[in-house]
């Protein structure tokens, strides 16, 4: 093999490696800050008998979703190894929104029919989130967390992040006067 051919192979290998490393770095930059772009305000837990309620404002003003991406945010009520996933919120870039609508048999997006859907261009800065679900004993001391998943082409999961909200649910103690 001539020296010129060896040099061409050497240069090509380095170009491919450089391109792959650049792609990984760009993906990591977007996904590393995903949790910082989603916030929670006015969190409130309440219980009425056998029904548990969670109310909060999901802050999305810093979330920028490119056209070929989708971000699914799943609130999770968790205590230890027990958890319940609540209704997800999906923010879709233009291309991903139309691709998912067009290519699913029933026109649903990533999380199916039980999803709050926004296009990135028309998403609100704040989502007034409310969820009711059956109360169970393990929920005493539970906290809320937001699992953020970034999707690309063909529903491929590109990144995932979890934001834990430092507020626990505690059953209010009633004081009776005698």
Protein backbone atom coordinates (compact mmCIF):
# COMPACT_ATOMS: atom_id res chain seq x y z
CA UNK A 1 0.00 0.00 0.00
CA UNK A 2 1.39 3.37 -0.93
CA UNK A 3 2.09 6.12 1.55
CA UNK A 4 -0.59 8.31 -0.05
CA UNK A 5 -3.31 5.69 0.47
CA UNK A 6 -2.25 5.17 4.10
CA UNK A 7 -2.38 8.91 4.68
CA UNK A 8 -5.88 9.14 3.11
CA UNK A 9 -7.18 6.32 5.32
CA UNK A 10 -5.59 7.96 8.38
CA UNK A 11 -7.19 11.33 7.59
CA UNK A 12 -10.60 9.76 6.91
CA UNK A 13 -10.56 7.85 10.22
CA UNK A 14 -9.77 11.04 12.12
CA UNK A 15 -12.53 12.96 10.34
CA UNK A 16 -15.11 10.28 11.17
CA UNK A 17 -14.02 10.19 14.82
CA UNK A 18 -14.13 14.00 15.03
CA UNK A 19 -17.64 14.10 13.55
CA UNK A 20 -18.92 11.40 15.91
CA UNK A 21 -17.44 13.12 18.96
CA UNK A 22 -18.98 16.43 17.87
CA UNK A 23 -22.41 14.81 17.59
CA UNK A 24 -22.09 13.28 21.05
CA UNK A 25 -21.01 16.65 22.51
CA UNK A 26 -23.98 18.48 20.94
CA UNK A 27 -26.45 15.87 22.22
CA UNK A 28 -24.93 16.01 25.71
CA UNK A 29 -25.16 19.82 25.77
CA UNK A 30 -28.89 19.73 25.06
CA UNK A 31 -29.73 16.86 27.39
CA UNK A 32 -27.53 17.93 30.29
CA UNK A 33 -29.51 21.12 30.79
CA UNK A 34 -32.98 19.67 30.15
CA UNK A 35 -33.84 19.50 33.87
CA UNK A 36 -32.77 23.12 34.34
CA UNK A 37 -35.27 24.26 31.71
CA UNK A 38 -38.37 22.83 33.42
CA UNK A 39 -39.59 24.13 36.76
CA UNK A 40 -42.38 23.78 39.29
CA UNK A 41 -44.19 26.53 41.16
CA UNK A 42 -47.09 26.55 43.64
CA UNK A 43 -46.96 22.81 44.40
CA UNK A 44 -49.85 21.58 46.53
CA UNK A 45 -50.82 18.08 47.65
CA UNK A 46 -54.26 17.36 49.03
CA UNK A 47 -56.26 14.32 50.00
CA UNK A 48 -60.00 13.87 50.20
CA UNK A 49 -60.75 10.42 51.55
CA UNK A 50 -59.58 7.87 48.98
CA UNK A 51 -58.54 10.47 46.39
CA UNK A 52 -55.14 12.16 46.25
CA UNK A 53 -54.68 15.41 44.28
CA UNK A 54 -51.57 17.15 43.02
CA UNK A 55 -51.69 20.73 41.74
CA UNK A 56 -48.77 22.81 40.48
CA UNK A 57 -47.64 25.19 37.76
CA UNK A 58 -45.21 23.53 35.36
CA UNK A 59 -42.83 26.24 34.13
CA UNK A 60 -41.83 25.78 30.48
CA UNK A 61 -40.65 29.28 29.51
CA UNK A 62 -36.99 28.18 29.32
CA UNK A 63 -37.71 25.00 27.34
CA UNK A 64 -36.60 25.32 23.72
CA UNK A 65 -37.50 22.30 21.60
CA UNK A 66 -35.95 22.11 18.09
CA UNK A 67 -38.14 21.15 15.12
CA UNK A 68 -36.86 17.57 14.96
CA UNK A 69 -37.20 16.85 18.70
CA UNK A 70 -39.92 16.15 21.25
CA UNK A 71 -39.76 16.44 25.03
CA UNK A 72 -42.08 14.35 27.19
CA UNK A 73 -42.40 15.41 30.84
CA UNK A 74 -43.88 12.78 33.17
CA UNK A 75 -44.76 13.83 36.74
CA UNK A 76 -44.20 10.91 39.12
CA UNK A 77 -45.47 10.69 42.70
CA UNK A 78 -42.85 8.54 44.46
CA UNK A 79 -42.06 7.12 47.90
CA UNK A 80 -39.19 4.63 47.98
CA UNK A 81 -39.76 1.91 45.40
CA UNK A 82 -43.48 2.71 45.02
CA UNK A 83 -44.62 5.26 42.48
CA UNK A 84 -47.50 6.37 40.31
CA UNK A 85 -46.96 8.08 36.94
CA UNK A 86 -49.33 10.94 36.24
CA UNK A 87 -50.59 12.36 32.94
CA UNK A 88 -47.55 13.35 30.81
CA UNK A 89 -47.01 16.70 29.09
CA UNK A 90 -45.50 16.57 25.59
CA UNK A 91 -43.83 19.51 23.84
CA UNK A 92 -43.21 18.74 20.16
CA UNK A 93 -41.11 20.48 17.56
CA UNK A 94 -42.85 21.02 14.23
CA UNK A 95 -41.33 18.06 12.35
CA UNK A 96 -41.75 15.58 15.23
CA UNK A 97 -45.36 16.66 15.79
CA UNK A 98 -46.43 16.01 12.20
CA UNK A 99 -44.31 12.84 11.87
CA UNK A 100 -45.85 11.25 14.97
CA UNK A 101 -49.39 12.27 13.96
CA UNK A 102 -48.95 10.97 10.43
CA UNK A 103 -47.20 7.70 11.24
CA UNK A 104 -49.34 6.38 14.10
CA UNK A 105 -52.44 4.37 13.28
CA UNK A 106 -54.69 6.34 15.62
CA UNK A 107 -52.99 9.75 15.36
CA UNK A 108 -51.56 9.63 18.87
CA UNK A 109 -48.18 10.93 19.89
CA UNK A 110 -45.49 9.39 22.13
CA UNK A 111 -47.52 8.73 25.29
CA UNK A 112 -50.78 7.79 23.58
CA UNK A 113 -54.16 9.39 24.11
CA UNK A 114 -53.61 10.31 27.76
CA UNK A 115 -51.15 13.13 27.11
CA UNK A 116 -51.31 16.92 27.32
CA UNK A 117 -49.88 18.00 23.94
CA UNK A 118 -48.29 21.30 22.91
CA UNK A 119 -46.45 22.33 19.78
CA UNK A 120 -43.18 24.04 20.65
CA UNK A 121 -44.17 27.18 18.76
CA UNK A 122 -47.43 27.61 20.71
CA UNK A 123 -46.62 26.11 24.10
CA UNK A 124 -47.59 28.18 27.14
CA UNK A 125 -44.94 29.48 29.51
CA UNK A 126 -46.84 27.88 32.38
CA UNK A 127 -49.06 24.79 32.45
CA UNK A 128 -51.65 24.70 35.23
CA UNK A 129 -51.28 21.00 36.07
CA UNK A 130 -53.84 19.00 38.08
CA UNK A 131 -54.08 15.25 38.68
CA UNK A 132 -56.36 13.08 40.82
CA UNK A 133 -55.53 9.46 41.63
CA UNK A 134 -56.44 6.85 44.26
CA UNK A 135 -54.70 7.27 47.61
CA UNK A 136 -52.64 4.37 48.96
CA UNK A 137 -50.87 3.98 52.32
CA UNK A 138 -47.37 4.15 50.80
CA UNK A 139 -48.01 7.75 49.66
CA UNK A 140 -47.35 9.15 53.13
CA UNK A 141 -44.03 11.02 52.76
CA UNK A 142 -44.05 10.78 48.95
CA UNK A 143 -42.46 13.46 46.78
CA UNK A 144 -43.00 14.67 43.25
CA UNK A 145 -40.43 14.27 40.51
CA UNK A 146 -40.46 15.19 36.85
CA UNK A 147 -38.95 12.73 34.37
CA UNK A 148 -38.00 14.56 31.17
CA UNK A 149 -37.33 12.48 28.07
CA UNK A 150 -36.02 13.89 24.81
CA UNK A 151 -37.01 12.04 21.64
CA UNK A 152 -35.77 12.31 18.08
CA UNK A 153 -36.56 10.61 14.81
CA UNK A 154 -38.39 7.25 14.91
CA UNK A 155 -39.28 7.66 18.60
CA UNK A 156 -35.65 7.16 19.54
CA UNK A 157 -34.92 8.17 23.13
CA UNK A 158 -31.99 10.59 23.07
CA UNK A 159 -31.79 11.69 26.69
CA UNK A 160 -33.61 11.42 29.99
CA UNK A 161 -33.37 13.45 33.17
CA UNK A 162 -35.13 13.50 36.54
CA UNK A 163 -35.89 16.59 38.63
CA UNK A 164 -36.84 15.90 42.24
CA UNK A 165 -39.06 18.45 43.97
CA UNK A 166 -38.08 18.71 47.66
CA UNK A 167 -41.57 18.72 49.21
CA UNK A 168 -43.15 15.68 50.88
CA UNK A 169 -46.82 14.86 51.29
CA UNK A 170 -47.81 14.51 54.93
CA UNK A 171 -51.32 13.81 56.19
CA UNK A 172 -52.49 16.85 58.17
CA UNK A 173 -52.84 16.12 61.86
CA UNK A 174 -56.17 17.17 63.38
CA UNK A 175 -56.11 18.57 66.88
CA UNK A 176 -59.17 18.09 68.99
CA UNK A 177 -59.91 20.11 72.09
CA UNK A 178 -61.41 18.32 74.99
